[in-house]
Each structure stands twice: as C-alpha cells, then as structure tokens.
Amino acid sequence: MRPKLNKILLIDDSEADNFIHQRVIKKADVAHNIIVKNNGQSALDYLCTQDEDGNYPVPELVFLDINMPAMNGWEFLEHYDKLKPEQKAGVIVCMLTTSVAEVDRQRAGEVPLVESFLHKPLTQETLLKILDEYFLKK
C-alpha cells in the first residue's frame, strides 16, 4: 500500500505551476499537507523554523525548481546541505523544472541530495512513480 506523506514541499516561483502541482498531489491524495514556497530563501526560512516543541517542519518530499528569484534551486541546495541533520532527515529532493539543458541534468546528477530530475508539469503518473520508488514499503 502506498503511504500518505505528512508534508510535500513545493519550491517554485510560478503560481500557475504551483496551482497545477497542488491539484495533482491533492487528486492523488498522497499528502496530508502541501507547503508552497516561492523561492529557495523562503523555503530555507520555513525549514529552519521550530514549533513550540522544538521540532522542525521536515517534509518527506521536496519538488524544487531551478530558476527562481532571490535564491535559485542550485543556491537552495548549497544552503540546504549545510542544515542540521534533524532539519533534513529522510527528505527526498526532486528537481522539477522546465530546463531542457543537458548541463542542468548533469549538474543535478552530481548533487547527492537530488534523487531525480523531472520536467514540468508534475503528473499523477510521475508523482506515484516517485512515491513507489522512495516511499513504498518493500
């Protein structure tokens, strides 16, 4: 049985893409919470906040765009890598982009934090494939 994740984090500056991706995730009913941040800096700020019990809001799955203002996807990954282990424990990061540049695909493949390089828009088929690959109990 496919698990339902607690949190999926979308990091993308495109309101239209975020709308579509939220609909895909909601329709698949695979997450209790969908958090949307419009750039890498706001996502880092979110990941560094603690609740009243001192816990961080660690999502299980992150979909990360490359080209964003303020802090792009590559810069986000550099800063994310420096977070405390409890702020990023068990998180799967998937690049979700419109980039067709081979250099971006290669760069993503060289970053240990990035599990996959996907093209927008996110589809239900792609979402379920990711969940099955990384979260399905075998």
N, C-alpha and C. Protein backbone atom coordinates (compact mmCIF):
# COMPACT_ATOMS: atom_id res chain seq x y z
N MET A 1 0.83 -1.18 0.00
CA MET A 1 0.00 0.00 0.00
C MET A 1 0.88 1.25 0.00
N ARG A 2 0.51 2.20 -0.78
CA ARG A 2 1.25 3.46 -0.89
C ARG A 2 0.98 4.31 0.35
N PRO A 3 2.05 4.81 0.99
CA PRO A 3 1.85 5.63 2.18
C PRO A 3 1.37 7.03 1.85
N LYS A 4 0.74 7.66 2.81
CA LYS A 4 0.36 9.06 2.67
C LYS A 4 1.40 9.88 3.44
N LEU A 5 2.09 10.75 2.74
CA LEU A 5 3.14 11.55 3.37
C LEU A 5 2.53 12.64 4.23
N ASN A 6 3.28 13.05 5.23
CA ASN A 6 2.81 14.14 6.08
C ASN A 6 2.91 15.47 5.34
N LYS A 7 4.10 15.74 4.73
CA LYS A 7 4.30 17.03 4.05
C LYS A 7 5.04 16.85 2.75
N ILE A 8 4.56 17.55 1.72
CA ILE A 8 5.29 17.72 0.47
C ILE A 8 5.53 19.22 0.33
N LEU A 9 6.78 19.59 0.03
CA LEU A 9 7.15 20.98 -0.13
C LEU A 9 7.40 21.28 -1.61
N LEU A 10 6.68 22.27 -2.14
CA LEU A 10 6.87 22.75 -3.50
C LEU A 10 7.65 24.06 -3.42
N ILE A 11 8.80 24.11 -4.11
CA ILE A 11 9.59 25.34 -4.14
C ILE A 11 9.65 25.79 -5.59
N ASP A 12 8.85 26.80 -5.92
CA ASP A 12 8.71 27.26 -7.30
C ASP A 12 8.11 28.66 -7.30
N ASP A 13 8.63 29.52 -8.15
CA ASP A 13 8.11 30.90 -8.21
C ASP A 13 6.90 31.04 -9.11
N SER A 14 6.56 30.00 -9.85
CA SER A 14 5.43 30.06 -10.77
C SER A 14 4.12 29.71 -10.06
N GLU A 15 3.24 30.70 -9.94
CA GLU A 15 1.94 30.44 -9.31
C GLU A 15 1.14 29.41 -10.10
N ALA A 16 1.22 29.49 -11.42
CA ALA A 16 0.48 28.54 -12.25
C ALA A 16 0.98 27.11 -12.03
N ASP A 17 2.30 26.94 -12.02
CA ASP A 17 2.85 25.60 -11.78
C ASP A 17 2.49 25.09 -10.40
N ASN A 18 2.59 25.96 -9.39
CA ASN A 18 2.22 25.55 -8.04
C ASN A 18 0.76 25.14 -7.96
N PHE A 19 -0.12 25.87 -8.64
CA PHE A 19 -1.54 25.52 -8.67
C PHE A 19 -1.73 24.13 -9.27
N ILE A 20 -1.11 23.89 -10.42
CA ILE A 20 -1.23 22.59 -11.10
C ILE A 20 -0.67 21.47 -10.23
N HIS A 21 0.51 21.69 -9.67
CA HIS A 21 1.16 20.64 -8.89
C HIS A 21 0.39 20.34 -7.61
N GLN A 22 -0.18 21.37 -6.99
CA GLN A 22 -1.02 21.12 -5.82
C GLN A 22 -2.25 20.29 -6.19
N ARG A 23 -2.85 20.58 -7.33
CA ARG A 23 -4.03 19.81 -7.77
C ARG A 23 -3.67 18.36 -8.02
N VAL A 24 -2.53 18.11 -8.64
CA VAL A 24 -2.08 16.74 -8.90
C VAL A 24 -1.89 15.99 -7.58
N ILE A 25 -1.23 16.63 -6.64
CA ILE A 25 -0.97 16.00 -5.34
C ILE A 25 -2.27 15.75 -4.57
N LYS A 26 -3.16 16.75 -4.57
CA LYS A 26 -4.45 16.59 -3.88
C LYS A 26 -5.28 15.48 -4.51
N LYS A 27 -5.31 15.46 -5.85
CA LYS A 27 -6.10 14.43 -6.54
C LYS A 27 -5.58 13.03 -6.24
N ALA A 28 -4.27 12.90 -6.14
CA ALA A 28 -3.67 11.59 -5.83
C ALA A 28 -3.85 11.23 -4.36
N ASP A 29 -4.18 12.22 -3.52
CA ASP A 29 -4.42 12.01 -2.09
C ASP A 29 -3.24 11.29 -1.43
N VAL A 30 -2.04 11.86 -1.62
CA VAL A 30 -0.83 11.22 -1.12
C VAL A 30 -0.11 12.04 -0.04
N ALA A 31 -0.70 13.19 0.35
CA ALA A 31 -0.06 14.02 1.37
C ALA A 31 -1.12 14.69 2.25
N HIS A 32 -0.81 14.76 3.52
CA HIS A 32 -1.68 15.47 4.45
C HIS A 32 -1.55 16.97 4.27
N ASN A 33 -0.33 17.43 3.97
CA ASN A 33 -0.05 18.86 3.84
C ASN A 33 0.80 19.13 2.61
N ILE A 34 0.47 20.20 1.91
CA ILE A 34 1.27 20.66 0.78
C ILE A 34 1.70 22.08 1.13
N ILE A 35 3.00 22.27 1.24
CA ILE A 35 3.55 23.58 1.58
C ILE A 35 4.15 24.16 0.31
N VAL A 36 3.86 25.44 0.04
CA VAL A 36 4.37 26.10 -1.17
C VAL A 36 5.24 27.28 -0.76
N LYS A 37 6.44 27.33 -1.30
CA LYS A 37 7.34 28.47 -1.11
C LYS A 37 7.79 28.93 -2.49
N ASN A 38 7.86 30.27 -2.65
CA ASN A 38 8.10 30.85 -3.97
C ASN A 38 9.56 31.04 -4.36
N ASN A 39 10.48 30.74 -3.45
CA ASN A 39 11.90 30.76 -3.80
C ASN A 39 12.68 29.99 -2.76
N GLY A 40 13.94 29.78 -3.05
CA GLY A 40 14.78 28.99 -2.16
C GLY A 40 14.94 29.59 -0.78
N GLN A 41 15.04 30.92 -0.70
CA GLN A 41 15.23 31.57 0.60
C GLN A 41 14.02 31.38 1.50
N SER A 42 12.82 31.56 0.96
CA SER A 42 11.63 31.37 1.79
C SER A 42 11.48 29.91 2.21
N ALA A 43 11.93 28.98 1.35
CA ALA A 43 11.90 27.56 1.72
C ALA A 43 12.88 27.28 2.85
N LEU A 44 14.08 27.84 2.76
CA LEU A 44 15.06 27.65 3.85
C LEU A 44 14.55 28.25 5.15
N ASP A 45 13.97 29.45 5.07
CA ASP A 45 13.42 30.07 6.27
C ASP A 45 12.37 29.15 6.90
N TYR A 46 11.52 28.58 6.08
CA TYR A 46 10.48 27.66 6.57
C TYR A 46 11.12 26.43 7.23
N LEU A 47 12.12 25.84 6.58
CA LEU A 47 12.75 24.63 7.10
C LEU A 47 13.53 24.87 8.40
N CYS A 48 13.87 26.12 8.66
CA CYS A 48 14.64 26.47 9.86
C CYS A 48 13.76 26.90 11.02
N THR A 49 12.45 26.93 10.83
CA THR A 49 11.56 27.31 11.93
C THR A 49 11.28 26.10 12.81
N GLN A 50 11.14 26.36 14.10
CA GLN A 50 10.82 25.30 15.04
C GLN A 50 9.44 25.56 15.63
N ASP A 51 8.73 24.46 15.91
CA ASP A 51 7.45 24.62 16.59
C ASP A 51 7.70 24.75 18.10
N GLU A 52 6.63 24.82 18.87
CA GLU A 52 6.77 25.03 20.32
C GLU A 52 7.47 23.88 21.02
N ASP A 53 7.54 22.71 20.37
CA ASP A 53 8.24 21.56 20.95
C ASP A 53 9.68 21.45 20.47
N GLY A 54 10.10 22.42 19.64
CA GLY A 54 11.48 22.41 19.13
C GLY A 54 11.68 21.55 17.89
N ASN A 55 10.58 21.11 17.27
CA ASN A 55 10.68 20.28 16.07
C ASN A 55 10.69 21.14 14.81
N TYR A 56 11.41 20.66 13.83
CA TYR A 56 11.47 21.34 12.53
C TYR A 56 10.41 20.75 11.60
N PRO A 57 9.93 21.53 10.63
CA PRO A 57 8.86 21.07 9.74
C PRO A 57 9.41 20.25 8.56
N VAL A 58 10.00 19.13 8.85
CA VAL A 58 10.69 18.34 7.82
C VAL A 58 9.68 17.68 6.88
N PRO A 59 9.65 18.12 5.61
CA PRO A 59 8.79 17.43 4.64
C PRO A 59 9.49 16.13 4.20
N GLU A 60 8.72 15.18 3.77
CA GLU A 60 9.32 13.95 3.27
C GLU A 60 9.78 14.08 1.82
N LEU A 61 9.12 14.96 1.08
CA LEU A 61 9.38 15.10 -0.35
C LEU A 61 9.41 16.58 -0.71
N VAL A 62 10.43 16.97 -1.49
CA VAL A 62 10.58 18.34 -1.95
C VAL A 62 10.67 18.34 -3.46
N PHE A 63 9.83 19.14 -4.11
CA PHE A 63 9.93 19.39 -5.54
C PHE A 63 10.54 20.78 -5.69
N LEU A 64 11.69 20.85 -6.36
CA LEU A 64 12.48 22.06 -6.42
C LEU A 64 12.68 22.54 -7.85
N ASP A 65 12.28 23.77 -8.12
CA ASP A 65 12.53 24.40 -9.41
C ASP A 65 13.97 24.91 -9.44
N ILE A 66 14.51 25.13 -10.63
CA ILE A 66 15.87 25.65 -10.75
C ILE A 66 15.87 27.17 -10.79
N ASN A 67 15.13 27.74 -11.74
CA ASN A 67 15.18 29.18 -11.98
C ASN A 67 14.12 29.92 -11.18
N MET A 68 14.59 30.62 -10.12
CA MET A 68 13.70 31.40 -9.26
C MET A 68 14.44 32.66 -8.83
N PRO A 69 13.69 33.71 -8.51
CA PRO A 69 14.33 34.92 -7.99
C PRO A 69 14.76 34.73 -6.54
N ALA A 70 15.56 35.64 -6.06
CA ALA A 70 16.05 35.68 -4.67
C ALA A 70 17.05 34.56 -4.38
N MET A 71 16.68 33.32 -4.60
CA MET A 71 17.59 32.19 -4.42
C MET A 71 17.11 31.07 -5.32
N ASN A 72 17.94 30.69 -6.30
CA ASN A 72 17.52 29.64 -7.23
C ASN A 72 17.70 28.25 -6.62
N GLY A 73 17.34 27.25 -7.38
CA GLY A 73 17.40 25.88 -6.88
C GLY A 73 18.79 25.41 -6.51
N TRP A 74 19.78 25.80 -7.30
CA TRP A 74 21.16 25.39 -7.02
C TRP A 74 21.65 26.03 -5.72
N GLU A 75 21.34 27.32 -5.54
CA GLU A 75 21.74 28.01 -4.31
C GLU A 75 21.02 27.41 -3.11
N PHE A 76 19.75 27.08 -3.29
CA PHE A 76 19.00 26.43 -2.21
C PHE A 76 19.70 25.14 -1.78
N LEU A 77 20.11 24.32 -2.74
CA LEU A 77 20.75 23.05 -2.42
C LEU A 77 22.06 23.26 -1.65
N GLU A 78 22.82 24.29 -2.02
CA GLU A 78 24.08 24.58 -1.30
C GLU A 78 23.79 24.90 0.16
N HIS A 79 22.78 25.71 0.42
CA HIS A 79 22.43 26.09 1.78
C HIS A 79 21.74 24.93 2.51
N TYR A 80 20.88 24.21 1.82
CA TYR A 80 20.17 23.09 2.41
C TYR A 80 21.15 22.04 2.92
N ASP A 81 22.21 21.81 2.16
CA ASP A 81 23.20 20.81 2.52
C ASP A 81 23.86 21.14 3.86
N LYS A 82 23.86 22.41 4.25
CA LYS A 82 24.51 22.85 5.49
C LYS A 82 23.56 22.85 6.70
N LEU A 83 22.30 22.51 6.48
CA LEU A 83 21.35 22.47 7.60
C LEU A 83 21.70 21.35 8.56
N LYS A 84 21.18 21.46 9.77
CA LYS A 84 21.37 20.40 10.76
C LYS A 84 20.69 19.13 10.27
N PRO A 85 21.22 17.97 10.65
CA PRO A 85 20.61 16.71 10.21
C PRO A 85 19.12 16.59 10.53
N GLU A 86 18.71 17.11 11.69
CA GLU A 86 17.30 17.00 12.07
C GLU A 86 16.38 17.90 11.24
N GLN A 87 16.97 18.82 10.48
CA GLN A 87 16.18 19.69 9.61
C GLN A 87 15.97 19.08 8.23
N LYS A 88 16.71 18.03 7.91
CA LYS A 88 16.59 17.46 6.57
C LYS A 88 16.54 15.93 6.56
N ALA A 89 16.34 15.33 7.70
CA ALA A 89 16.35 13.88 7.82
C ALA A 89 15.33 13.21 6.91
N GLY A 90 15.79 12.31 6.08
CA GLY A 90 14.91 11.50 5.26
C GLY A 90 14.19 12.20 4.13
N VAL A 91 14.63 13.39 3.76
CA VAL A 91 13.94 14.16 2.72
C VAL A 91 14.43 13.73 1.34
N ILE A 92 13.49 13.51 0.45
CA ILE A 92 13.79 13.22 -0.95
C ILE A 92 13.61 14.52 -1.73
N VAL A 93 14.66 14.95 -2.45
CA VAL A 93 14.60 16.17 -3.25
C VAL A 93 14.57 15.80 -4.73
N CYS A 94 13.54 16.28 -5.43
CA CYS A 94 13.40 16.07 -6.86
C CYS A 94 13.41 17.43 -7.55
N MET A 95 14.32 17.60 -8.50
CA MET A 95 14.30 18.82 -9.31
C MET A 95 13.09 18.70 -10.24
N LEU A 96 12.29 19.74 -10.29
CA LEU A 96 11.11 19.78 -11.16
C LEU A 96 11.20 21.08 -11.94
N THR A 97 11.54 20.99 -13.21
CA THR A 97 11.94 22.18 -13.96
C THR A 97 11.46 22.15 -15.40
N THR A 98 11.53 23.30 -16.04
CA THR A 98 11.28 23.39 -17.47
C THR A 98 12.59 23.31 -18.25
N SER A 99 13.71 23.29 -17.53
CA SER A 99 15.01 23.28 -18.18
C SER A 99 15.22 21.99 -18.99
N VAL A 100 15.63 22.17 -20.22
CA VAL A 100 15.99 21.02 -21.05
C VAL A 100 17.50 20.99 -21.29
N ALA A 101 18.21 21.87 -20.60
CA ALA A 101 19.66 21.95 -20.75
C ALA A 101 20.32 20.72 -20.16
N GLU A 102 21.12 20.07 -20.96
CA GLU A 102 21.82 18.86 -20.50
C GLU A 102 22.75 19.19 -19.33
N VAL A 103 23.30 20.40 -19.32
CA VAL A 103 24.19 20.80 -18.23
C VAL A 103 23.45 20.80 -16.89
N ASP A 104 22.17 21.17 -16.88
CA ASP A 104 21.38 21.14 -15.65
C ASP A 104 21.13 19.70 -15.20
N ARG A 105 20.82 18.82 -16.15
CA ARG A 105 20.61 17.41 -15.81
C ARG A 105 21.90 16.81 -15.23
N GLN A 106 23.02 17.12 -15.86
CA GLN A 106 24.30 16.59 -15.39
C GLN A 106 24.63 17.14 -14.00
N ARG A 107 24.41 18.43 -13.82
CA ARG A 107 24.69 19.04 -12.52
C ARG A 107 23.83 18.42 -11.43
N ALA A 108 22.56 18.20 -11.73
CA ALA A 108 21.67 17.57 -10.75
C ALA A 108 22.16 16.17 -10.40
N GLY A 109 22.68 15.46 -11.39
CA GLY A 109 23.21 14.12 -11.16
C GLY A 109 24.45 14.10 -10.29
N GLU A 110 25.13 15.23 -10.20
CA GLU A 110 26.34 15.34 -9.39
C GLU A 110 26.06 15.79 -7.96
N VAL A 111 24.82 16.17 -7.69
CA VAL A 111 24.44 16.63 -6.35
C VAL A 111 23.80 15.46 -5.60
N PRO A 112 24.47 14.95 -4.58
CA PRO A 112 23.94 13.78 -3.86
C PRO A 112 22.53 13.98 -3.29
N LEU A 113 22.17 15.22 -2.97
CA LEU A 113 20.85 15.50 -2.40
C LEU A 113 19.72 15.29 -3.39
N VAL A 114 19.99 15.40 -4.68
CA VAL A 114 18.96 15.32 -5.71
C VAL A 114 18.75 13.87 -6.13
N GLU A 115 17.55 13.39 -5.91
CA GLU A 115 17.23 12.00 -6.25
C GLU A 115 16.78 11.85 -7.70
N SER A 116 16.13 12.88 -8.25
CA SER A 116 15.68 12.77 -9.64
C SER A 116 15.56 14.15 -10.27
N PHE A 117 15.59 14.16 -11.59
CA PHE A 117 15.50 15.38 -12.40
C PHE A 117 14.30 15.20 -13.30
N LEU A 118 13.24 15.99 -13.05
CA LEU A 118 11.97 15.82 -13.74
C LEU A 118 11.58 17.08 -14.49
N HIS A 119 10.78 16.90 -15.53
CA HIS A 119 10.29 18.05 -16.29
C HIS A 119 8.86 18.38 -15.89
N LYS A 120 8.59 19.68 -15.84
CA LYS A 120 7.24 20.16 -15.54
C LYS A 120 6.35 19.90 -16.74
N PRO A 121 5.08 19.78 -16.49
CA PRO A 121 4.42 19.79 -15.18
C PRO A 121 4.48 18.42 -14.53
N LEU A 122 4.32 18.41 -13.22
CA LEU A 122 4.21 17.17 -12.48
C LEU A 122 2.92 16.48 -12.87
N THR A 123 3.01 15.21 -13.18
CA THR A 123 1.80 14.44 -13.49
C THR A 123 1.54 13.45 -12.37
N GLN A 124 0.32 12.96 -12.32
CA GLN A 124 -0.01 11.97 -11.30
C GLN A 124 0.85 10.72 -11.49
N GLU A 125 1.07 10.33 -12.73
CA GLU A 125 1.89 9.15 -13.01
C GLU A 125 3.31 9.32 -12.46
N THR A 126 3.90 10.48 -12.70
CA THR A 126 5.25 10.75 -12.20
C THR A 126 5.27 10.80 -10.68
N LEU A 127 4.29 11.46 -10.09
CA LEU A 127 4.20 11.54 -8.64
C LEU A 127 4.12 10.15 -8.02
N LEU A 128 3.24 9.31 -8.53
CA LEU A 128 3.08 7.96 -7.98
C LEU A 128 4.33 7.12 -8.18
N LYS A 129 5.01 7.31 -9.29
CA LYS A 129 6.26 6.59 -9.54
C LYS A 129 7.31 6.98 -8.49
N ILE A 130 7.41 8.26 -8.17
CA ILE A 130 8.35 8.72 -7.15
C ILE A 130 7.99 8.13 -5.79
N LEU A 131 6.72 8.19 -5.45
CA LEU A 131 6.29 7.63 -4.17
C LEU A 131 6.59 6.14 -4.08
N ASP A 132 6.32 5.43 -5.16
CA ASP A 132 6.59 3.99 -5.16
C ASP A 132 8.09 3.70 -5.04
N GLU A 133 8.90 4.50 -5.72
CA GLU A 133 10.35 4.28 -5.71
C GLU A 133 10.98 4.59 -4.35
N TYR A 134 10.54 5.66 -3.70
CA TYR A 134 11.22 6.11 -2.49
C TYR A 134 10.47 5.87 -1.19
N PHE A 135 9.18 5.62 -1.25
CA PHE A 135 8.41 5.53 -0.01
C PHE A 135 7.62 4.23 0.16
N LEU A 136 7.48 3.44 -0.88
CA LEU A 136 6.71 2.21 -0.79
C LEU A 136 7.46 1.19 0.06
N LYS A 137 6.80 0.68 1.06
CA LYS A 137 7.41 -0.33 1.93
C LYS A 137 7.54 -1.62 1.14
N LYS A 138 8.75 -2.12 1.08
CA LYS A 138 9.01 -3.34 0.29
C LYS A 138 9.15 -4.54 1.18
